[in-house]
Protein backbone atom coordinates (compact mmCIF):
# COMPACT_ATOMS: atom_id res chain seq x y z
CA MET A 1 10.75 -18.58 18.17
CA LEU A 2 12.29 -18.74 21.65
CA LYS A 3 15.80 -19.02 20.19
CA ARG A 4 15.09 -15.72 18.32
CA LEU A 5 14.02 -14.02 21.39
CA LEU A 6 17.17 -15.23 23.25
CA VAL A 7 19.62 -14.34 20.64
CA LEU A 8 21.41 -10.98 20.63
CA LEU A 9 20.60 -9.37 17.34
CA PRO A 10 23.48 -9.80 15.11
CA VAL A 11 23.13 -6.27 13.67
CA LEU A 12 23.43 -4.84 17.17
CA LEU A 13 26.38 -6.88 17.94
CA LEU A 14 28.19 -5.60 14.77
CA GLY A 15 27.60 -2.09 15.90
CA LEU A 16 28.77 -2.82 19.47
CA PHE A 17 32.09 -4.34 18.46
CA SER A 18 32.64 -1.64 15.69
CA CYS A 19 32.45 1.06 18.33
CA ARG A 20 34.65 -0.66 20.74
CA ARG A 21 37.47 -1.21 18.10
CA GLU A 22 37.25 2.44 17.07
CA ARG A 23 37.37 3.70 20.62
CA THR A 24 40.37 1.54 21.79
CA SER A 25 42.63 1.04 18.86
CA GLY A 26 41.86 3.68 16.23
CA GLN A 27 40.96 2.70 12.64
CA VAL A 28 41.28 -0.99 11.95
CA VAL A 29 42.30 -2.18 8.46
CA LYS A 30 40.26 -5.55 8.21
CA ASP A 31 41.69 -8.53 6.34
CA ALA A 32 40.00 -9.30 3.10
CA ASP A 33 38.78 -12.69 4.40
CA TYR A 34 37.05 -10.93 7.37
CA LYS A 35 35.28 -8.52 5.07
CA LYS A 36 34.18 -11.31 2.80
CA ALA A 37 32.76 -13.27 5.90
CA GLU A 38 30.90 -10.20 7.18
CA ALA A 39 29.45 -9.75 3.78
CA LEU A 40 27.99 -13.24 3.56
CA ILE A 41 27.08 -13.90 7.21
CA TYR A 42 23.35 -13.25 6.47
CA THR A 43 23.13 -14.88 2.98
CA ARG A 44 25.63 -17.69 2.69
CA SER A 45 26.61 -18.62 6.25
CA ASP A 46 28.52 -21.76 5.24
CA SER A 47 30.77 -19.54 3.09
CA ALA A 48 31.03 -16.84 5.83
CA PHE A 49 32.10 -19.65 8.32
CA TYR A 50 34.90 -20.66 5.84
CA TYR A 51 36.32 -17.03 5.39
CA PHE A 52 36.15 -16.47 9.36
CA ASN A 53 38.14 -19.70 9.88
CA ARG A 54 40.62 -18.86 7.11
CA TYR A 55 41.05 -15.38 8.65
CA ILE A 56 41.80 -16.95 12.09
CA ALA A 57 44.58 -19.03 10.50
CA GLY A 58 46.45 -15.88 9.29
CA SER A 59 45.70 -13.22 12.00
CA LYS A 60 47.89 -12.49 15.09
CA ASP A 61 45.30 -9.99 16.56
CA SER A 62 43.86 -11.84 19.53
CA LEU A 63 40.74 -9.68 19.78
CA GLN A 64 40.01 -10.02 15.98
CA ILE A 65 40.54 -13.77 16.27
CA ALA A 66 38.10 -13.88 19.26
CA MET A 67 35.43 -11.83 17.27
CA ALA A 68 35.84 -14.27 14.39
CA TYR A 69 35.23 -17.31 16.60
CA ASN A 70 32.27 -15.34 18.08
CA ARG A 71 30.67 -14.92 14.50
CA MET A 72 31.39 -18.67 13.81
CA ALA A 73 29.56 -19.72 16.87
CA MET A 74 26.54 -17.65 16.00
CA ILE A 75 26.45 -19.41 12.42
CA GLN A 76 26.60 -22.81 14.17
CA SER A 77 23.89 -21.94 16.70
CA GLU A 78 21.57 -20.75 13.91
CA ALA A 79 22.20 -24.10 12.16
CA GLY A 80 21.22 -26.12 15.24
CA ASP A 81 24.78 -27.16 16.05
CA TYR A 82 24.67 -26.10 19.81
CA PHE A 83 27.48 -28.25 21.06
CA GLY A 84 29.75 -26.97 18.15
CA SER A 85 28.84 -23.42 19.02
CA HIS A 86 29.54 -23.94 22.76
CA GLU A 87 32.97 -25.34 21.91
CA THR A 88 33.70 -22.45 19.46
CA LEU A 89 32.82 -19.91 22.02
CA LEU A 90 35.13 -21.49 24.67
CA THR A 91 37.74 -21.05 22.09
CA SER A 92 36.96 -17.30 21.64
CA LEU A 93 37.22 -16.87 25.29
CA ARG A 94 40.76 -18.16 25.39
CA TYR A 95 41.89 -15.11 23.42
CA LEU A 96 40.45 -12.64 25.66
CA HIS A 97 41.23 -11.34 29.08
CA GLU A 98 38.79 -9.73 31.61
CA ASN A 99 41.28 -7.04 32.58
CA ARG A 100 41.62 -5.56 29.03
CA ARG A 101 38.69 -3.24 28.71
CA ARG A 102 38.83 -3.30 24.87
CA ASP A 103 37.97 -7.06 25.28
CA TRP A 104 34.87 -6.56 27.30
CA SER A 105 32.41 -6.23 24.47
CA CYS A 106 33.59 -9.42 22.98
CA LEU A 107 33.50 -11.12 26.45
CA SER A 108 29.98 -9.89 26.81
CA SER A 109 28.84 -11.16 23.47
CA ASP A 110 30.57 -14.75 23.92
CA TYR A 111 28.88 -15.15 27.41
CA ASN A 112 25.47 -14.16 25.91
CA GLU A 113 25.91 -16.76 23.19
CA LEU A 114 26.92 -19.30 25.66
CA GLY A 115 23.58 -18.60 27.55
CA VAL A 116 21.79 -19.15 24.17
CA SER A 117 23.47 -22.42 23.57
CA ASN A 118 22.76 -23.80 27.14
CA VAL A 119 19.18 -22.80 26.84
CA ASN A 120 18.73 -24.75 23.67
CA LEU A 121 20.38 -27.64 25.34
CA LYS A 122 18.08 -27.09 28.27
CA ASN A 123 20.91 -26.45 30.68
CA TYR A 124 19.09 -23.61 32.25
CA ASP A 125 21.21 -23.17 35.44
CA ALA A 126 24.32 -22.92 33.33
CA ALA A 127 22.63 -20.38 31.12
CA LEU A 128 21.80 -18.04 34.16
CA GLY A 129 25.48 -18.08 35.03
CA TYR A 130 26.58 -17.01 31.58
CA TYR A 131 23.87 -14.19 31.22
CA ASP A 132 25.27 -12.88 34.70
CA GLN A 133 28.70 -12.78 32.96
CA ALA A 134 27.37 -11.05 29.95
CA ILE A 135 25.79 -8.44 31.95
CA LYS A 136 28.93 -7.94 34.07
CA TYR A 137 30.85 -6.94 30.86
CA ALA A 138 28.11 -5.12 29.02
CA GLU A 139 29.18 -1.28 29.07
CA ALA A 140 26.12 0.00 27.14
CA LYS A 141 22.70 0.26 28.95
CA GLU A 142 20.67 -1.24 26.02
CA TYR A 143 22.72 -4.30 25.90
CA ARG A 144 22.53 -4.98 29.57
CA LEU A 145 18.60 -4.69 29.25
CA ILE A 146 18.78 -7.11 26.46
CA PHE A 147 20.58 -9.66 28.41
CA LEU A 148 18.39 -9.02 31.42
CA ASN A 149 15.56 -10.05 29.30
CA ASN A 150 17.35 -13.03 28.10
CA LYS A 151 17.82 -14.12 31.82
CA ALA A 152 14.12 -13.58 32.53
CA LEU A 153 13.22 -15.74 29.82
CA VAL A 154 15.36 -18.62 31.27
CA TYR A 155 13.52 -18.07 34.74
CA GLN A 156 10.33 -18.31 32.66
CA LYS A 157 11.37 -21.64 31.19
CA LYS A 158 12.31 -22.88 34.65
CA LYS A 159 8.77 -21.69 35.86
CA ALA A 160 10.36 -19.51 38.21
CA TYR A 161 7.75 -16.81 37.37
CA ALA A 162 8.28 -14.49 40.25
CA GLN A 163 12.11 -14.06 39.48
CA ALA A 164 11.29 -13.51 35.89
CA LEU A 165 8.70 -10.71 36.65
CA ALA A 166 11.17 -9.01 39.09
CA ILE A 167 13.51 -8.61 36.23
CA TYR A 168 10.78 -7.52 33.77
CA ARG A 169 9.47 -4.86 36.06
CA THR A 170 13.04 -3.44 36.44
CA VAL A 171 13.66 -3.59 32.75
CA LEU A 172 10.35 -2.01 31.26
CA PRO A 173 10.71 1.39 32.85
CA GLN A 174 14.19 1.76 31.52
CA THR A 175 13.13 0.95 28.00
CA ALA A 176 12.02 3.60 25.53
CA PRO A 177 8.31 3.54 25.00
CA ASN A 178 6.85 2.25 21.88
CA SER A 179 10.33 0.83 20.84
CA ILE A 180 11.04 -2.60 19.44
CA GLU A 181 12.67 -3.62 22.85
CA TYR A 182 9.71 -2.11 24.95
CA ALA A 183 7.30 -4.40 22.89
CA ARG A 184 9.39 -7.26 23.49
CA VAL A 185 9.68 -6.77 27.25
CA LEU A 186 6.02 -6.12 27.48
CA SER A 187 4.82 -9.05 25.68
CA ASN A 188 7.21 -11.32 27.50
CA MET A 189 6.10 -9.82 30.98
CA ALA A 190 2.31 -10.45 30.13
CA ARG A 191 2.91 -13.85 29.03
CA THR A 192 4.74 -14.48 32.22
CA GLU A 193 1.86 -13.14 34.31
CA TRP A 194 -0.49 -15.30 32.50
CA LEU A 195 1.60 -18.33 32.91
CA GLN A 196 1.76 -17.79 36.62
CA ASN A 197 -1.93 -17.02 36.79
CA PRO A 198 -4.16 -18.07 34.01
CA ALA A 199 -6.84 -15.63 35.16
CA TYR A 200 -4.50 -12.81 34.58
CA PRO A 201 -5.88 -10.18 31.86
CA ALA A 202 -2.88 -10.44 29.63
CA LEU A 203 -4.68 -9.58 26.42
CA PRO A 204 -4.32 -5.73 26.35
CA ALA A 205 -0.58 -5.80 26.89
CA LEU A 206 -0.16 -8.65 24.39
CA MET A 207 -2.16 -6.66 21.72
CA LYS A 208 -0.28 -3.41 22.53
CA ALA A 209 3.06 -5.23 21.80
CA LEU A 210 1.64 -6.47 18.54
CA GLN A 211 0.47 -3.08 17.57
CA ILE A 212 3.96 -1.62 18.20
CA ARG A 213 5.68 -4.42 16.36
CA ARG A 214 3.44 -3.84 13.20
CA ALA A 215 4.25 -0.09 13.20
CA ARG A 216 7.87 -0.78 13.57
CA GLN A 217 7.60 -3.61 10.87
CA ASP A 218 9.42 -5.86 13.33
CA LEU A 219 8.67 -9.23 11.72
CA TRP A 220 10.45 -11.30 14.45
CA GLY A 221 8.49 -9.39 17.03
CA GLN A 222 5.19 -10.17 15.21
CA ASN A 223 6.28 -13.75 14.96
CA ALA A 224 6.70 -13.82 18.82
CA SER A 225 3.39 -12.03 19.37
CA PHE A 226 1.41 -14.37 17.24
CA ALA A 227 2.76 -17.33 19.25
CA HIS A 228 1.88 -15.65 22.59
CA LEU A 229 -1.64 -14.84 21.38
CA SER A 230 -2.27 -18.42 20.05
CA ASP A 231 -1.15 -19.83 23.44
CA PHE A 232 -3.26 -17.35 25.33
CA TYR A 233 -6.47 -18.25 23.42
CA GLY A 234 -5.68 -21.95 23.31
CA ARG A 235 -7.83 -22.71 26.37
CA THR A 236 -10.75 -20.42 25.69
CA ASN A 237 -11.12 -19.74 21.99
CA PRO A 238 -9.67 -22.48 19.69
CA ASP A 239 -10.80 -20.48 16.64
CA SER A 240 -8.75 -17.47 17.54
CA ALA A 241 -5.76 -19.64 18.73
CA PHE A 242 -5.82 -21.34 15.20
CA ARG A 243 -5.98 -18.05 13.42
CA TYR A 244 -2.88 -16.61 15.24
CA ALA A 245 -0.98 -19.74 14.76
CA ALA A 246 -1.86 -19.31 11.01
CA ALA A 247 -0.60 -15.86 11.19
CA MET A 248 2.61 -17.04 12.92
CA TYR A 249 3.22 -19.60 10.06
CA ALA A 250 2.97 -16.98 7.39
CA VAL A 251 5.36 -14.61 9.03
CA ALA A 252 7.89 -17.51 10.02
CA SER A 253 7.69 -18.42 6.17
CA ARG A 254 8.54 -14.83 5.21
CA LEU A 255 11.55 -15.08 7.61
CA ASN A 256 12.51 -18.42 6.38
CA SER A 257 12.65 -19.66 9.99
CA PRO A 258 11.97 -23.53 9.91
CA ASP A 259 11.81 -23.93 13.60
CA ASP A 260 9.16 -21.34 14.05
CA ARG A 261 7.16 -22.68 11.10
CA LEU A 262 7.31 -26.24 13.01
CA GLU A 263 5.97 -24.49 16.23
CA ALA A 264 3.21 -22.74 14.31
CA LEU A 265 2.25 -26.18 12.64
CA GLU A 266 2.21 -27.86 16.20
CA LYS A 267 -0.28 -25.31 17.31
CA GLN A 268 -2.25 -25.53 14.25
CA ILE A 269 -2.49 -29.29 14.64
CA ARG A 270 -3.60 -28.77 18.32
CA MET A 271 -6.39 -26.30 17.29
CA ALA A 272 -7.29 -27.57 13.73
CA PRO A 273 -10.96 -28.27 13.08
CA ALA A 274 -12.03 -31.93 13.12
CA GLY A 275 -10.84 -33.76 9.86
CA THR A 276 -7.89 -31.28 8.93
CA ALA A 277 -5.34 -32.07 11.56
CA LYS A 278 -3.91 -34.95 9.49
CA SER A 279 -2.84 -32.49 6.59
CA TYR A 280 -1.03 -30.21 9.00
CA PHE A 281 0.59 -33.23 10.49
CA ASN A 282 1.90 -34.38 7.06
CA ARG A 283 3.32 -30.82 6.48
CA TYR A 284 5.02 -30.92 9.88
CA ARG A 285 6.50 -34.45 9.19
CA SER A 286 7.67 -33.22 5.81
CA LEU A 287 9.20 -29.87 7.27
CA ALA A 288 10.80 -31.82 10.26
CA ASP A 289 12.60 -34.45 7.90
CA SER A 290 13.96 -31.52 5.79
CA LEU A 291 15.20 -29.57 8.78
CA GLN A 292 16.98 -32.75 10.21
CA ASP A 293 18.56 -33.37 6.92
CA ALA A 294 19.76 -29.72 6.46
CA ARG A 295 21.21 -29.48 9.99
CA ALA A 296 23.05 -32.78 9.76
CA ALA A 297 24.72 -31.42 6.52
CA ALA A 298 25.45 -28.15 8.20
CA LYS A 299 27.28 -29.72 10.99
CA ASN A 300 29.26 -31.97 8.80
CA GLN A 301 30.19 -29.01 6.65
CA PHE A 302 31.40 -27.03 9.69
CA ALA A 303 33.40 -30.09 10.84
CA LEU A 304 35.06 -30.41 7.38
CA ILE A 305 35.98 -26.74 7.28
CA ARG A 306 37.55 -26.72 10.61
CA TYR A 307 39.36 -30.07 9.80
CA ASP A 308 40.53 -28.75 6.50
CA ALA A 309 42.07 -25.59 8.02
CA GLU A 310 43.78 -27.57 10.56
CA ARG A 311 45.20 -29.95 8.10
CA ASN A 312 46.51 -27.03 5.84
CA LYS A 313 47.89 -25.26 8.97
CA THR A 314 49.88 -28.48 9.81
CA ASP A 315 50.95 -28.72 6.26
CA ASN A 316 52.25 -25.19 6.23
CA LEU A 317 54.10 -25.71 9.40
CA ARG A 318 55.66 -28.88 8.14
CA LEU A 319 56.86 -27.09 4.93
CA GLN A 320 58.34 -24.24 6.86
CA LYS A 321 60.11 -26.60 9.13
CA GLU A 322 61.51 -28.47 6.24
CA ASN A 323 62.76 -25.26 4.61
CA SER A 324 64.46 -24.13 7.70
CA GLU A 325 66.28 -27.30 8.53
CA LYS A 326 67.80 -27.91 5.09
CA LYS A 327 71.10 -26.46 6.61
CA TYR A 328 71.05 -29.10 9.26
CA GLN A 329 71.94 -32.88 9.05
CA ILE A 330 69.95 -34.79 6.29
CA VAL A 331 69.30 -37.66 8.82
CA LYS A 332 67.67 -35.41 11.36
CA GLN A 333 65.59 -33.69 8.49
CA TYR A 334 64.41 -37.20 7.32
CA ILE A 335 63.60 -38.32 10.82
CA LEU A 336 61.73 -35.17 11.63
CA LEU A 337 59.91 -35.47 8.22
CA GLY A 338 58.86 -39.01 9.04
CA ALA A 339 57.60 -38.13 12.49
CA VAL A 340 55.39 -35.23 10.87
CA LEU A 341 54.10 -37.63 8.27
CA LEU A 342 53.40 -40.31 10.84
CA LEU A 343 51.49 -37.74 12.88
CA LEU A 344 49.42 -36.64 9.84
CA VAL A 345 48.47 -40.23 8.83
CA GLY A 346 47.44 -40.82 12.29
CA ALA A 347 45.42 -37.76 12.38
CA VAL A 348 43.72 -38.68 9.01
CA LEU A 349 42.94 -42.26 10.28
CA TRP A 350 41.73 -41.04 13.57
CA TYR A 351 39.35 -38.59 11.66
CA ARG A 352 38.07 -41.11 9.55
CA ASN A 353 37.38 -43.76 12.29
CA ALA A 354 35.62 -40.98 14.42
CA MET A 355 33.58 -40.06 11.44
CA ARG A 356 32.62 -43.51 10.59
CA ALA A 357 31.83 -44.35 14.30
CA SER A 358 29.61 -41.15 14.56
CA GLN A 359 27.70 -42.06 11.24
CA LEU A 360 27.01 -45.63 12.59
CA ARG A 361 25.70 -44.26 15.87
CA THR A 362 23.51 -41.70 14.09
CA SER A 363 22.23 -44.26 11.73
CA LYS A 364 21.38 -46.59 14.61
CA LYS A 365 19.49 -43.86 16.43
CA VAL A 366 17.66 -42.59 13.36
CA HIS A 367 16.56 -46.27 12.46
CA ASP A 368 15.72 -47.41 15.99
CA VAL A 369 14.15 -44.20 17.48
CA VAL A 370 13.14 -41.62 14.88
CA ALA A 371 12.28 -43.82 11.88
CA ASN A 372 10.42 -46.48 13.84
CA GLY A 373 8.76 -43.82 16.16
CA LEU A 374 7.51 -42.01 13.11
CA TYR A 375 6.28 -45.29 11.49
CA ARG A 376 4.33 -46.03 14.70
CA MET A 377 2.57 -42.71 14.87
CA MET A 378 1.73 -42.99 11.04
CA SER A 379 0.37 -46.39 11.62
CA ALA A 380 -1.74 -44.89 14.57
CA VAL A 381 -3.09 -42.03 12.42
CA GLU A 382 -3.98 -44.22 9.45
CA ASN A 383 -5.56 -47.18 11.29
CA ARG A 384 -7.48 -45.88 14.20
CA LEU A 385 -10.82 -44.34 14.05
CA GLN A 386 -10.20 -42.22 17.12
CA VAL A 387 -6.66 -40.78 17.73
CA ASP A 388 -5.69 -39.33 21.04
CA ARG A 389 -4.46 -35.95 19.82
CA GLU A 390 -2.50 -34.97 23.12
CA GLU A 391 -0.74 -38.27 23.05
CA LEU A 392 0.15 -37.80 19.42
CA LEU A 393 1.42 -34.23 20.08
CA ASP A 394 3.68 -35.44 22.93
CA GLN A 395 5.10 -38.02 20.49
CA MET A 396 5.65 -35.45 17.90
CA GLU A 397 7.28 -33.19 20.29
CA VAL A 398 9.85 -35.87 21.17
CA LEU A 399 10.57 -36.58 17.63
CA TYR A 400 11.02 -32.92 16.88
CA GLU A 401 13.71 -32.61 19.57
CA GLN A 402 15.39 -35.67 18.06
CA SER A 403 15.30 -34.21 14.65
CA ARG A 404 16.91 -31.00 15.88
CA ASP A 405 19.81 -32.77 17.48
CA ILE A 406 19.90 -36.67 17.07
CA SER A 407 22.16 -36.95 19.98
CA TYR A 408 18.95 -35.95 22.02
CA ASP A 409 18.21 -39.02 24.34
CA LEU A 410 14.67 -39.99 25.61
CA PRO A 411 14.16 -40.13 29.24
CA ARG A 412 14.29 -43.71 30.26
CA PRO A 413 10.80 -45.15 31.31
CA ALA A 414 10.10 -46.05 34.89
CA ALA A 415 9.27 -49.77 35.49
CA GLY A 416 6.09 -48.75 37.17
CA GLU A 417 4.42 -47.58 33.92
CA MET A 418 6.08 -50.10 31.49
CA ASP A 419 2.97 -52.35 31.30
CA ARG A 420 0.77 -49.48 30.05
CA ARG A 421 3.57 -48.14 27.73
CA ILE A 422 4.17 -51.62 26.12
CA GLU A 423 0.42 -52.29 25.92
CA GLN A 424 -0.11 -48.89 23.90
CA LEU A 425 3.03 -49.59 21.76
CA LEU A 426 1.93 -53.03 20.64
CA LEU A 427 -1.82 -52.35 20.15
CA SER A 428 -0.87 -49.26 18.09
CA PHE A 429 0.02 -51.69 15.38
CA GLY A 430 -3.22 -53.62 15.36
CA THR A 431 -5.66 -52.96 12.47
CA SER A 432 -8.88 -54.64 11.26
CA GLY A 433 -6.63 -57.01 9.32
CA THR A 434 -4.04 -57.71 11.81
CA LYS A 435 -5.13 -58.70 15.44
CA VAL A 436 -2.61 -58.25 18.36
CA ALA A 437 -2.84 -60.24 21.50
CA ILE A 438 -1.02 -59.65 24.62
CA VAL A 439 -0.62 -62.19 27.47
CA GLY A 440 1.01 -61.54 30.79
CA ASN A 441 1.94 -57.98 30.41
CA ASP A 442 1.36 -56.83 33.89
CA ALA A 443 3.25 -54.89 36.61
CA SER A 444 4.66 -57.98 38.26
CA PHE A 445 6.47 -58.90 34.98
CA TRP A 446 8.23 -55.48 34.96
CA LYS A 447 8.99 -55.39 38.68
CA ASN A 448 12.72 -54.98 39.47
CA VAL A 449 13.54 -54.60 35.75
CA GLY A 450 15.89 -51.57 35.57
CA ALA A 451 15.33 -48.49 33.58
CA LYS A 452 17.97 -49.29 30.93
CA ALA A 453 16.35 -52.69 30.29
CA CYS A 454 12.94 -51.13 30.12
CA GLY A 455 14.18 -48.59 27.47
CA GLU A 456 15.95 -51.29 25.30
CA LEU A 457 13.16 -53.75 25.33
CA GLU A 458 10.66 -51.11 24.25
CA GLN A 459 12.91 -50.42 21.31
CA VAL A 460 13.26 -54.14 20.49
CA LEU A 461 9.57 -54.74 20.50
CA GLN A 462 8.89 -51.64 18.33
CA GLU A 463 11.42 -52.98 15.95
CA LEU A 464 9.55 -56.33 15.84
CA MET A 465 6.22 -54.68 15.37
CA VAL A 466 7.47 -52.33 12.58
CA ASN A 467 9.11 -55.34 10.76
CA MET A 468 5.85 -57.23 11.07
CA LYS A 469 3.83 -54.36 9.76
CA LYS A 470 6.13 -53.73 6.77
CA HIS A 471 7.10 -57.22 5.52
CA SER A 472 5.17 -60.20 7.09
CA GLY A 473 1.50 -59.60 6.12
CA ALA A 474 0.54 -61.36 9.53
CA LYS A 475 -3.01 -61.56 10.42
CA ALA A 476 -2.45 -62.60 13.94
CA VAL A 477 0.30 -61.59 16.34
CA VAL A 478 0.62 -63.04 19.98
CA ILE A 479 3.19 -61.57 22.51
CA ARG A 480 3.51 -63.54 25.80
CA PHE A 481 5.23 -62.25 28.77
CA GLU A 482 6.64 -64.93 31.29
CA ILE A 483 8.36 -64.94 34.49
CA ARG A 484 10.82 -67.92 34.82
CA GLY A 485 12.43 -67.54 38.27
CA SER A 486 15.19 -64.71 38.01
CA MET A 487 14.76 -64.67 34.30
CA ARG A 488 12.08 -62.93 32.12
CA CYS A 489 10.88 -64.13 28.72
CA ILE A 490 9.05 -62.19 25.89
CA ASP A 491 7.71 -64.68 23.38
CA TYR A 492 6.75 -63.19 20.05
CA ARG A 493 4.80 -65.18 17.35
CA ASP A 494 3.00 -64.34 14.07
CA ASP A 495 1.41 -66.19 11.24
CA GLY A 496 3.03 -64.06 8.48
CA MET A 497 4.94 -65.21 5.37
CA GLY A 498 8.00 -66.14 7.44
CA CYS A 499 11.70 -65.69 6.49
CA ARG A 500 14.14 -67.46 4.27
CA GLU A 501 16.85 -69.66 5.97
CA ASP A 502 19.54 -67.54 4.46
CA LEU A 503 18.08 -64.36 5.80
CA SER A 504 20.91 -61.62 5.99
CA TRP A 505 20.91 -59.68 9.29
CA GLY A 506 20.29 -55.87 8.37
CA ASN A 507 20.60 -52.97 10.79
CA GLY A 508 17.31 -53.78 12.48
CA LEU A 509 18.14 -57.41 13.59
CA THR A 510 21.76 -56.28 14.25
CA ASN A 511 20.59 -53.48 16.60
CA THR A 512 18.11 -55.82 18.15
CA GLY A 513 20.88 -58.37 18.95
CA ASN A 514 23.10 -55.45 20.32
CA ARG A 515 20.36 -54.10 22.49
CA MET A 516 19.83 -57.56 24.24
CA LYS A 517 23.37 -58.04 24.84
CA ALA A 518 23.41 -54.71 26.56
CA ILE A 519 21.15 -56.05 29.19
CA LYS A 520 22.92 -59.43 29.24
CA GLY A 521 19.96 -60.96 27.38
CA THR A 522 19.68 -63.34 24.51
CA PHE A 523 17.90 -62.94 21.25
CA ILE A 524 16.57 -66.22 19.81
CA PHE A 525 15.26 -65.72 16.23
CA GLU A 526 13.34 -68.63 14.62
CA ALA A 527 12.63 -67.80 10.95
CA LYS A 528 10.14 -70.43 9.34
CA PRO A 529 10.16 -70.69 5.60
CA ALA A 530 6.78 -72.18 5.40
CA GLY A 531 5.25 -69.29 7.14
CA GLY A 532 5.26 -67.64 10.65
CA LEU A 533 8.01 -66.07 12.79
CA HIS A 534 8.98 -67.03 16.37
CA VAL A 535 11.26 -64.70 18.46
CA GLN A 536 12.21 -65.24 22.08
CA LEU A 537 13.72 -62.39 24.05
CA LEU A 538 15.51 -63.74 27.49
CA PHE A 539 16.99 -61.41 30.05
CA PRO A 540 17.90 -61.78 33.74
CA VAL A 541 16.73 -59.59 36.60
CA THR A 542 19.57 -58.79 38.78
CA ASN A 543 20.63 -55.86 41.00
CA GLN A 544 23.26 -54.88 38.41
CA ILE A 545 20.68 -54.76 35.60
CA SER A 546 18.00 -53.09 37.66
CA ASN A 547 20.14 -50.30 38.79
CA VAL A 548 21.59 -49.38 35.33
C-alpha cells in the first residue's frame, strides 16, 4: 500500500511525457516496438519489458531511449526488483542532460522513481535527495505537489512528523478540493498528526478522505483509507479495526495487489477474534510463498531479456565487422573473429557461473533462514497452547521482508540478549512428546562472543532443532553450553533414531559446517546407528571474532 502511495501514477506520467515531446520536437513517429510495449505495460509487463528493451537496441534518439529505460524501471519496481530498477534508472539518466529542457520531464520521473526504489530499500535519506531532484525538474504544478507528498511520506517513515506536516500544510491548500489528490494529502496528513499525537482526533479527516475516494471510484485511494482506519482503530476498537482490514483485503484483491493483501492479512491476524488467527496466518503464509516465487521468476526473466539483448547486439556487431573486413587480409580477419568468439565464450561462461553462484546463495538463504524460520513458527503455532501473538507477528514481518527480497539480511543479534533468544529458539521446538533441556545458557557464556558468531550459531542451532523435529523422533533433547578457557562449546544430544554411518551431507549439514568455519570453529558430528545423535560445536572467543 505504501509503495502505491509513493509511485507516480503511470497514466499521469504518460500524459506528462506526451506533452513534453509534442511541445519540443513536434509529432513523433513512435517505433512499432515502443507502441507494442506501451500497449502491454498494464496487462503483460514481461512482454512490455521485452519490447522496450528491443526498442532501445535499435533507437538513436537519446530521449526516447531514456524514456524506455524509465518504463522498464517501473516494471521492475512493480515486480519487487528494486535493485534492478535502481540500476535501470541510472542508465536512463546517462541519456539525459540537465541543460536540455526537453529532457526535464524524464529527469523528473527518473528521480521520482529512484526515490521510490530507495524507500522500498529503506534508504530514506537517499530517497529525500532524489525527491528534491524530481521537484527541481518538475515543470507542472500538479507533479511538484505529488513529489512533495512523496517526500512527506518519507519523513513520516523516518518519524520526522514535524517536517512531514510542514509539507502537507503547504500542499493541501494548493490541491483542488474533493479531488483524488486532495483526499490523498488529507488522509496522509491526518495519519501523520495521529502518529505524532495518538490523542489527535484524526477520524473526521480520515472519513472525509474515504468519502471523496468512494465518490471518485478511486480504488487505490480506498485501499489506503481502509489501511489508515484499521490502524487508527487498532488501539481502541479491535472490531472496527478488523472490519476495515477486511475491507482493505477485498479492495486489494480487486486490484490484484499481493503486497496490500499481505498487509491486510497481517492486520486481520492482529485483530482477529480468538481461535481464528491461525486461518488468517495460513492464508498469509500461502500468499507470501506465492509472491516470493513470482518475484524470483520475474527478476530472472528481466535478467534473461537483458542478457539476450546484449548477446544479440554483440552478435550483430560481430557480423557487421566481419562483412566490413572481408576486403582486408584474411589473417587479420581470423584473428579478429577469434578474439570476438573468445569474448563471447568468456561472457557466456561468466554469466553461467554468476547465475549458478547466485542460485546457490539464494538456496542457502531460503533453507537456513526463511524455510527453517517458517518451520519454527509453524511448530510454535501447532504445539503451544498459548502463542505470543506480538512475537509471532514480529517474526512474520521479518519473513515477509525476506520473501520480498531474499537478499534482505536480518539485523545481527546483540550478545547481551543471546541467552534469551537462544532459550526461546530451543524451547519453541518442545512438545508434550519431546522434552528440551538447556544447561549453561546464561549471559556469561555469550560474553565477548561477536555479533557475527551469535548470528551464525543461532542459525546452526535452528538447523539442528529443525532436523530433530523432522527426522529423529527424539523424546529428549539436551543442549549444554560450556566455557572452556578461551573456547566455547555447545554440546547437543538427543535420543532419536540416529543416522546411518554412510549418511550423505545435504544442504543443511553442509551449510552448518560452512557457518562454523566462518567463525573459526569446528563441527563434530557423531551419528549413532543404534540410536541417538551427538553434535559438538566448538569455537574460539577472540578479539577478531568478537568484533566481526
